[in-house]
């Protein structure tokens, strides 16, 4: 399921945005993103090996900072970044579904289809965990295999000498390349959902870490194949023009109409399964945070279990975001929330738990520095192109921390 969450937004929604920033070298952004993610995974693996549980991120943060504002706010930032990811993937689903009708730029239809997918994800999740597991396993296998077939076939036809790879790289600065890594990291961040599996899987002290690294490995191979196929088929301007549906745009010149329809089917399948799996993970995490009294909760007159209430709240917030923001802004908001949370994890482990869990300071510092450099470059780039999204992100983070401080103070 963690791999299923990762391969959804990552390749279908973000390839065009990464290419827009990084230019012809955009496949390297996925490699850099995998390296930063592997460094980041070290903290999560060491913590999960020491205290495997279903608590995931919240457990890690509470161990690192205690049951206070930092742990609660950072946990909520992670949950919100996952909800943002749901809206991102839902709008990507809508864009690909509308592409055959050449109506992918119709904002009203995009919003309607995105909401329909989020409602579908709610119905699947409301039917029980077994349904979610079966849907995720089957769809993950289909989409990973399908994406690999598309990429290999497109490369076989196009080779690596044309398209974006034949263009000069001089006009793309290093800061844009570094900023693009932020989107690549967002494409890998689904690995954090695997930390929630410590209470269920066999031999969690060993297998949670192995599973995380296997998932990252599967994703980086898949992403590189697709990036190479898209770059070989289309120029940078063409990728940017079709950035919200770049795989479908790349499929037709390389593989004809059959390839186009094949890619549409795989994209719709991948994004739909990604939303289903993400809704499951987020509602579960929010339920746990509520039970730990780290976030406020109101039933609003609804009957049923706590999990059923938080399932409703999850899809409502995801639906609102999918309607209010376009793909670029949704992705940027997710980057800011996730990287701030990730840095707090590394700092907490470095400062308070390093000796207890046997973590190496140099790896923790490298992960922290990598996040900081990428976040700095991304913020600088966004300030030049869309300063309002930086303001929205800053306000959102401030509201989360202030709100959590006030809530927890009332709990004392």
Protein backbone atom coordinates (compact mmCIF):
# COMPACT_ATOMS: atom_id res chain seq x y z
CA UNK A 1 0.00 0.00 0.00
CA UNK A 2 2.90 2.35 0.69
CA UNK A 3 4.22 1.78 -2.82
CA UNK A 4 0.68 2.28 -4.13
CA UNK A 5 0.46 5.67 -2.42
CA UNK A 6 3.84 6.67 -3.84
CA UNK A 7 3.13 5.70 -7.44
CA UNK A 8 0.13 7.84 -8.16
CA UNK A 9 0.81 11.49 -7.60
CA UNK A 10 4.50 11.02 -8.09
CA UNK A 11 4.75 10.12 -11.71
CA UNK A 12 1.44 11.24 -13.22
CA UNK A 13 1.01 14.61 -11.53
CA UNK A 14 4.57 15.80 -11.03
CA UNK A 15 6.65 14.79 -14.06
CA UNK A 16 5.66 17.91 -16.00
CA UNK A 17 6.28 20.26 -13.07
CA UNK A 18 9.71 18.71 -12.45
CA UNK A 19 10.64 19.06 -16.14
CA UNK A 20 9.47 22.69 -16.14
CA UNK A 21 11.98 23.51 -13.40
CA UNK A 22 14.89 21.18 -14.22
CA UNK A 23 14.81 21.19 -18.03
CA UNK A 24 16.41 18.36 -20.05
CA UNK A 25 18.12 17.01 -16.93
CA UNK A 26 14.79 16.37 -15.18
CA UNK A 27 15.34 12.57 -14.85
CA UNK A 28 18.29 13.41 -12.56
CA UNK A 29 15.83 15.14 -10.24
CA UNK A 30 14.23 11.76 -9.49
CA UNK A 31 17.64 10.31 -8.63
CA UNK A 32 18.38 13.25 -6.32
CA UNK A 33 14.93 12.89 -4.79
CA UNK A 34 15.57 9.20 -4.14
CA UNK A 35 18.89 9.99 -2.45
CA UNK A 36 17.32 12.63 -0.19
CA UNK A 37 14.43 10.26 0.57
CA UNK A 38 16.83 7.43 1.43
CA UNK A 39 18.65 9.74 3.83
CA UNK A 40 15.33 10.79 5.34
CA UNK A 41 14.18 7.19 5.63
CA UNK A 42 17.07 6.49 8.02
CA UNK A 43 15.34 8.29 10.90
CA UNK A 44 12.04 6.50 10.28
CA UNK A 45 13.69 3.09 9.95
CA UNK A 46 15.76 3.46 13.12
CA UNK A 47 12.70 4.58 15.07
CA UNK A 48 10.48 1.85 13.64
CA UNK A 49 13.11 -0.78 14.38
CA UNK A 50 13.34 0.40 17.99
CA UNK A 51 9.60 0.86 18.61
CA UNK A 52 7.51 -0.83 15.90
CA UNK A 53 3.87 0.19 16.21
CA UNK A 54 0.81 1.36 14.32
CA UNK A 55 1.61 4.89 15.50
CA UNK A 56 3.93 5.71 12.62
CA UNK A 57 4.88 9.39 12.40
CA UNK A 58 2.98 10.34 15.54
CA UNK A 59 4.83 7.72 17.57
CA UNK A 60 8.17 8.93 16.24
CA UNK A 61 7.42 12.58 17.01
CA UNK A 62 6.01 11.85 20.46
CA UNK A 63 9.09 9.81 21.36
CA UNK A 64 11.33 12.61 20.08
CA UNK A 65 9.57 15.62 21.62
CA UNK A 66 7.14 14.27 24.21
CA UNK A 67 3.36 14.85 24.13
CA UNK A 68 3.53 18.58 23.42
CA UNK A 69 2.90 21.18 20.74
CA UNK A 70 5.80 20.25 18.44
CA UNK A 71 4.88 16.56 18.24
CA UNK A 72 1.17 17.26 17.77
CA UNK A 73 1.64 20.06 15.22
CA UNK A 74 4.23 18.15 13.18
CA UNK A 75 1.98 15.05 13.17
CA UNK A 76 -0.92 17.17 11.96
CA UNK A 77 1.28 18.70 9.24
CA UNK A 78 2.04 15.17 8.03
CA UNK A 79 -1.65 14.27 8.02
CA UNK A 80 -2.48 17.46 6.13
CA UNK A 81 0.25 16.82 3.58
CA UNK A 82 -1.32 13.41 2.96
CA UNK A 83 -4.78 14.97 2.55
CA UNK A 84 -3.22 17.46 0.12
CA UNK A 85 -1.77 14.48 -1.75
CA UNK A 86 -5.27 13.00 -2.07
CA UNK A 87 -6.57 16.19 -3.70
CA UNK A 88 -3.51 16.29 -5.97
CA UNK A 89 -4.04 12.73 -7.15
CA UNK A 90 -7.81 13.25 -7.52
CA UNK A 91 -7.30 16.22 -9.83
CA UNK A 92 -4.71 14.23 -11.77
CA UNK A 93 -7.27 11.45 -12.18
CA UNK A 94 -9.74 14.00 -13.55
CA UNK A 95 -7.20 15.49 -15.95
CA UNK A 96 -6.31 12.11 -17.48
CA UNK A 97 -9.94 10.96 -17.60
CA UNK A 98 -10.91 14.12 -19.52
CA UNK A 99 -7.92 14.02 -21.87
CA UNK A 100 -9.55 11.71 -24.50
CA UNK A 101 -12.39 14.25 -24.76
CA UNK A 102 -9.86 17.14 -24.96
CA UNK A 103 -11.62 18.71 -21.99
CA UNK A 104 -8.72 18.41 -19.54
CA UNK A 105 -8.59 22.20 -19.08
CA UNK A 106 -12.24 22.49 -18.03
CA UNK A 107 -11.96 23.46 -14.36
CA UNK A 108 -15.57 22.65 -13.51
CA UNK A 109 -15.38 19.13 -14.93
CA UNK A 110 -11.99 18.59 -13.27
CA UNK A 111 -13.45 19.50 -9.89
CA UNK A 112 -16.53 17.33 -10.41
CA UNK A 113 -14.54 14.23 -11.39
CA UNK A 114 -12.02 14.78 -8.59
CA UNK A 115 -14.85 14.95 -6.07
CA UNK A 116 -16.42 11.83 -7.56
CA UNK A 117 -13.16 9.90 -7.06
CA UNK A 118 -12.84 11.12 -3.47
CA UNK A 119 -16.41 9.96 -2.76
CA UNK A 120 -15.59 6.59 -4.34
CA UNK A 121 -12.52 6.31 -2.09
CA UNK A 122 -14.74 7.05 0.91
CA UNK A 123 -17.18 4.28 -0.05
CA UNK A 124 -14.38 1.74 -0.50
CA UNK A 125 -12.84 2.67 2.86
CA UNK A 126 -16.21 2.66 4.62
CA UNK A 127 -16.76 -0.92 3.44
CA UNK A 128 -13.86 -2.19 5.58
CA UNK A 129 -10.09 -2.72 5.71
CA UNK A 130 -10.17 -5.92 3.65
CA UNK A 131 -11.72 -4.08 0.70
CA UNK A 132 -9.05 -1.39 0.87
CA UNK A 133 -6.27 -3.98 1.03
CA UNK A 134 -7.55 -5.99 -1.94
CA UNK A 135 -8.15 -2.91 -4.11
CA UNK A 136 -4.69 -1.52 -3.26
CA UNK A 137 -2.82 -4.77 -3.93
CA UNK A 138 -4.53 -5.48 -7.27
CA UNK A 139 -4.31 -1.90 -8.54
CA UNK A 140 -0.70 -1.47 -7.42
CA UNK A 141 0.33 -4.54 -9.40
CA UNK A 142 -1.57 -3.34 -12.48
CA UNK A 143 -0.18 0.16 -12.44
CA UNK A 144 3.45 -0.74 -11.72
CA UNK A 145 3.40 -3.34 -14.50
CA UNK A 146 1.52 -1.05 -16.87
CA UNK A 147 3.80 1.93 -16.29
CA UNK A 148 6.86 -0.25 -16.87
CA UNK A 149 5.38 -1.58 -20.15
CA UNK A 150 4.61 1.96 -21.34
CA UNK A 151 8.07 3.25 -20.49
CA UNK A 152 10.01 0.37 -22.02
CA UNK A 153 7.89 0.41 -25.20
CA UNK A 154 8.24 4.19 -25.58
CA UNK A 155 12.00 4.01 -25.10
CA UNK A 156 12.24 1.14 -27.58
CA UNK A 157 10.49 3.26 -30.22
CA UNK A 158 12.00 6.68 -29.47
CA UNK A 159 15.47 5.91 -28.16
CA UNK A 160 17.31 8.42 -26.00
CA UNK A 161 18.71 10.75 -28.64
CA UNK A 162 15.68 12.95 -29.36
CA UNK A 163 13.05 14.97 -27.58
CA UNK A 164 14.08 16.90 -24.48
CA UNK A 165 17.43 15.14 -24.33
CA UNK A 166 18.54 16.80 -27.57
CA UNK A 167 17.94 20.30 -26.17
CA UNK A 168 20.54 22.60 -24.55
CA UNK A 169 20.61 22.73 -20.76
CA UNK A 170 22.25 26.12 -20.29
CA UNK A 171 19.11 28.20 -19.63
CA UNK A 172 18.11 26.17 -16.56
CA UNK A 173 19.94 27.33 -13.42
CA UNK A 174 21.11 25.12 -10.58
CA UNK A 175 18.60 26.64 -8.17
CA UNK A 176 15.73 25.50 -10.41
CA UNK A 177 17.22 22.02 -10.53
CA UNK A 178 17.46 21.90 -6.73
CA UNK A 179 13.92 23.29 -6.41
CA UNK A 180 12.63 20.51 -8.69
CA UNK A 181 13.95 17.95 -6.20
CA UNK A 182 11.23 19.14 -3.81
CA UNK A 183 8.59 17.74 -6.17
CA UNK A 184 10.62 14.54 -6.56
CA UNK A 185 10.72 14.14 -2.77
CA UNK A 186 6.93 14.59 -2.74
CA UNK A 187 6.73 11.73 -5.24
CA UNK A 188 8.52 9.44 -2.75
CA UNK A 189 6.97 10.58 0.52
CA UNK A 190 4.39 7.78 0.57
CA UNK A 191 7.05 5.57 2.17
CA UNK A 192 6.13 7.16 5.52
CA UNK A 193 2.79 5.31 5.50
CA UNK A 194 4.75 2.06 5.87
CA UNK A 195 5.84 3.14 9.36
CA UNK A 196 2.20 2.62 10.41
CA UNK A 197 2.54 -1.13 9.76
CA UNK A 198 4.73 -2.00 12.74
CA UNK A 199 1.80 -3.35 14.72
CA UNK A 200 0.70 -5.81 12.01
CA UNK A 201 3.56 -7.16 9.91
CA UNK A 202 5.74 -10.14 10.77
CA UNK A 203 9.09 -9.37 12.48
CA UNK A 204 8.59 -5.57 12.38
CA UNK A 205 11.99 -4.80 13.93
CA UNK A 206 13.49 -6.04 10.66
CA UNK A 207 10.78 -5.88 8.03
CA UNK A 208 9.51 -2.29 8.35
CA UNK A 209 12.92 -0.95 7.30
CA UNK A 210 13.33 -3.50 4.53
CA UNK A 211 9.87 -2.71 3.19
CA UNK A 212 10.60 1.03 3.11
CA UNK A 213 13.82 0.57 1.14
CA UNK A 214 12.23 -1.91 -1.29
CA UNK A 215 9.36 0.53 -1.92
CA UNK A 216 11.78 3.40 -2.58
CA UNK A 217 13.78 1.14 -4.92
CA UNK A 218 10.69 0.11 -6.91
CA UNK A 219 9.64 3.74 -7.24
CA UNK A 220 12.98 5.15 -8.37
CA UNK A 221 13.29 2.52 -11.12
CA UNK A 222 9.70 3.19 -12.24
CA UNK A 223 10.12 6.97 -12.15
CA UNK A 224 13.38 6.88 -14.11
CA UNK A 225 11.87 4.68 -16.80
CA UNK A 226 8.92 7.01 -17.22
CA UNK A 227 11.04 10.18 -17.12
CA UNK A 228 13.32 8.75 -19.81
CA UNK A 229 10.32 7.76 -21.96
CA UNK A 230 8.66 11.17 -21.66
CA UNK A 231 11.92 13.03 -22.28
CA UNK A 232 12.69 10.93 -25.35
CA UNK A 233 9.23 11.50 -26.86
CA UNK A 234 8.62 15.19 -26.13
CA UNK A 235 10.60 18.42 -25.97
CA UNK A 236 10.63 20.46 -22.77
CA UNK A 237 8.11 22.97 -24.14
CA UNK A 238 5.76 20.12 -25.06
CA UNK A 239 6.15 18.52 -21.61
CA UNK A 240 5.42 21.86 -19.92
CA UNK A 241 2.40 22.50 -22.14
CA UNK A 242 1.02 19.08 -21.19
CA UNK A 243 2.47 19.01 -17.68
CA UNK A 244 -0.72 17.75 -16.01
CA UNK A 245 -1.03 14.83 -18.45
CA UNK A 246 2.53 14.48 -19.77
CA UNK A 247 2.52 10.66 -19.90
CA UNK A 248 -0.52 10.60 -22.18
CA UNK A 249 1.02 13.32 -24.34
CA UNK A 250 4.26 11.33 -24.65
CA UNK A 251 2.51 8.04 -25.43
CA UNK A 252 0.82 9.06 -28.68
CA UNK A 253 3.85 10.17 -30.74
CA UNK A 254 5.86 7.20 -29.49
CA UNK A 255 3.25 4.43 -29.53
CA UNK A 256 0.28 5.75 -31.49
CA UNK A 257 -3.36 5.80 -30.45
CA UNK A 258 -3.15 2.41 -28.75
CA UNK A 259 -0.33 3.67 -26.55
CA UNK A 260 -2.33 6.79 -25.75
CA UNK A 261 -5.36 4.81 -24.56
CA UNK A 262 -3.17 2.33 -22.68
CA UNK A 263 -1.56 5.20 -20.77
CA UNK A 264 -4.93 6.79 -19.98
CA UNK A 265 -6.21 3.51 -18.51
CA UNK A 266 -3.06 3.01 -16.42
CA UNK A 267 -3.15 6.63 -15.21
CA UNK A 268 -6.79 6.42 -14.17
CA UNK A 269 -6.15 3.10 -12.41
CA UNK A 270 -3.03 4.38 -10.65
CA UNK A 271 -4.54 7.61 -9.42
CA UNK A 272 -7.77 5.97 -8.27
CA UNK A 273 -5.92 3.35 -6.23
CA UNK A 274 -3.60 6.01 -4.84
CA UNK A 275 -6.53 8.00 -3.46
CA UNK A 276 -8.14 4.89 -1.94
CA UNK A 277 -4.92 3.90 -0.18
CA UNK A 278 -4.17 7.45 0.95
CA UNK A 279 -7.65 7.97 2.44
CA UNK A 280 -7.16 4.75 4.41
CA UNK A 281 -3.76 5.86 5.74
CA UNK A 282 -4.84 9.40 6.63
CA UNK A 283 -8.07 8.45 8.38
CA UNK A 284 -6.17 5.86 10.37
CA UNK A 285 -3.49 8.35 11.37
CA UNK A 286 -6.05 11.01 12.38
CA UNK A 287 -7.94 8.41 14.45
CA UNK A 288 -4.77 7.58 16.30
CA UNK A 289 -3.94 11.26 16.88
CA UNK A 290 -7.44 11.83 18.26
CA UNK A 291 -7.20 8.83 20.58
CA UNK A 292 -3.85 10.15 21.82
CA UNK A 293 -5.59 13.51 22.50
CA UNK A 294 -3.14 15.30 20.22
CA UNK A 295 -5.82 16.93 18.03
CA UNK A 296 -9.34 18.19 18.79
CA UNK A 297 -12.41 16.26 17.70
CA UNK A 298 -16.15 16.84 17.41
CA UNK A 299 -18.78 14.30 16.37
CA UNK A 300 -20.95 17.02 14.78
CA UNK A 301 -23.95 14.86 15.61
CA UNK A 302 -22.72 11.87 13.58
CA UNK A 303 -23.17 8.32 14.78
CA UNK A 304 -20.69 5.49 14.43
CA UNK A 305 -17.06 4.98 15.36
CA UNK A 306 -14.34 7.59 15.68
CA UNK A 307 -12.67 6.17 12.56
CA UNK A 308 -15.86 6.64 10.53
CA UNK A 309 -16.03 10.31 11.58
CA UNK A 310 -12.43 10.98 10.64
CA UNK A 311 -12.94 9.23 7.33
CA UNK A 312 -15.64 11.78 6.58
CA UNK A 313 -13.46 14.71 7.66
CA UNK A 314 -10.58 13.44 5.53
CA UNK A 315 -12.58 13.29 2.31
CA UNK A 316 -14.32 16.61 2.98
CA UNK A 317 -10.99 18.46 3.37
CA UNK A 318 -9.50 16.67 0.35
CA UNK A 319 -12.58 17.55 -1.69
CA UNK A 320 -12.41 21.22 -0.74
CA UNK A 321 -8.71 21.43 -1.67
CA UNK A 322 -9.34 19.66 -4.97
CA UNK A 323 -11.92 22.32 -5.87
CA UNK A 324 -10.06 25.42 -4.64
CA UNK A 325 -6.51 24.82 -5.93
CA UNK A 326 -4.94 23.74 -9.21
CA UNK A 327 -2.38 20.95 -9.44
CA UNK A 328 0.66 23.21 -9.20
CA UNK A 329 -0.49 24.94 -6.01
CA UNK A 330 -1.69 21.73 -4.39
CA UNK A 331 1.71 20.13 -4.98
CA UNK A 332 3.59 23.17 -3.66
CA UNK A 333 1.49 23.26 -0.49
CA UNK A 334 2.25 19.58 0.07
CA UNK A 335 5.99 20.21 -0.34
CA UNK A 336 6.06 22.92 2.34
CA UNK A 337 4.07 20.92 4.90
CA UNK A 338 5.99 17.70 4.34
CA UNK A 339 9.52 19.12 4.40
CA UNK A 340 8.89 21.11 7.59
CA UNK A 341 7.56 17.96 9.28
CA UNK A 342 10.46 15.88 7.96
CA UNK A 343 13.07 18.29 9.33
CA UNK A 344 11.38 18.22 12.73
CA UNK A 345 11.63 14.41 12.72
CA UNK A 346 15.35 14.46 11.98
CA UNK A 347 16.07 17.20 14.53
CA UNK A 348 14.10 15.43 17.25
CA UNK A 349 15.86 12.12 16.64
CA UNK A 350 19.28 13.82 16.46
CA UNK A 351 18.80 15.87 19.62
CA UNK A 352 16.90 13.50 21.89
CA UNK A 353 17.05 9.88 20.71
CA UNK A 354 20.23 9.34 18.70
CA UNK A 355 22.11 7.42 21.39
CA UNK A 356 19.08 5.45 22.53
CA UNK A 357 18.37 4.00 19.08
CA UNK A 358 21.98 3.85 17.87
CA UNK A 359 21.56 6.36 15.02
CA UNK A 360 24.57 7.97 13.34
CA UNK A 361 24.69 11.74 13.74
CA UNK A 362 26.31 12.35 10.34
CA UNK A 363 23.43 10.68 8.48
CA UNK A 364 20.82 12.60 10.47
CA UNK A 365 22.66 15.87 9.81
CA UNK A 366 22.95 15.03 6.10
CA UNK A 367 19.20 14.39 5.90
CA UNK A 368 18.45 17.62 7.74
CA UNK A 369 20.80 19.64 5.52
CA UNK A 370 19.39 18.10 2.33
CA UNK A 371 15.84 19.01 3.33
CA UNK A 372 16.89 22.54 4.24
CA UNK A 373 18.71 23.15 0.94
CA UNK A 374 15.82 21.80 -1.13
CA UNK A 375 13.22 23.75 0.86
CA UNK A 376 15.27 26.95 0.52
CA UNK A 377 15.63 26.59 -3.25
CA UNK A 378 11.97 25.68 -3.65
CA UNK A 379 10.82 28.66 -1.56
CA UNK A 380 13.03 31.05 -3.55
CA UNK A 381 11.68 29.72 -6.84
CA UNK A 382 8.07 29.96 -5.69
CA UNK A 383 8.56 33.50 -4.36
CA UNK A 384 9.50 34.50 -7.89
CA UNK A 385 6.68 32.64 -9.67
CA UNK A 386 3.82 32.35 -7.15
CA UNK A 387 4.47 34.21 -3.90
CA UNK A 388 0.90 33.69 -2.68
CA UNK A 389 1.34 29.93 -2.27
CA UNK A 390 4.34 30.61 -0.02
CA UNK A 391 2.11 32.88 2.07
CA UNK A 392 -0.65 30.25 2.18
CA UNK A 393 1.84 27.63 3.34
CA UNK A 394 3.34 29.89 6.00
CA UNK A 395 -0.11 30.81 7.31
CA UNK A 396 -1.18 27.17 7.31
CA UNK A 397 1.89 26.08 9.31
CA UNK A 398 1.42 28.96 11.76
CA UNK A 399 -2.26 28.12 12.27
CA UNK A 400 -1.40 24.47 12.94
CA UNK A 401 1.23 25.30 15.58
CA UNK A 402 -0.80 28.04 17.29
CA UNK A 403 -3.98 25.97 17.21
CA UNK A 404 -2.23 22.92 18.68
CA UNK A 405 -0.63 25.04 21.42
CA UNK A 406 -3.99 26.47 22.44
CA UNK A 407 -5.71 23.07 22.30
CA UNK A 408 -3.08 21.26 24.35
CA UNK A 409 -2.97 24.04 26.92
CA UNK A 410 -6.69 23.54 27.54
CA UNK A 411 -6.08 19.79 28.01
CA UNK A 412 -3.75 20.36 30.97
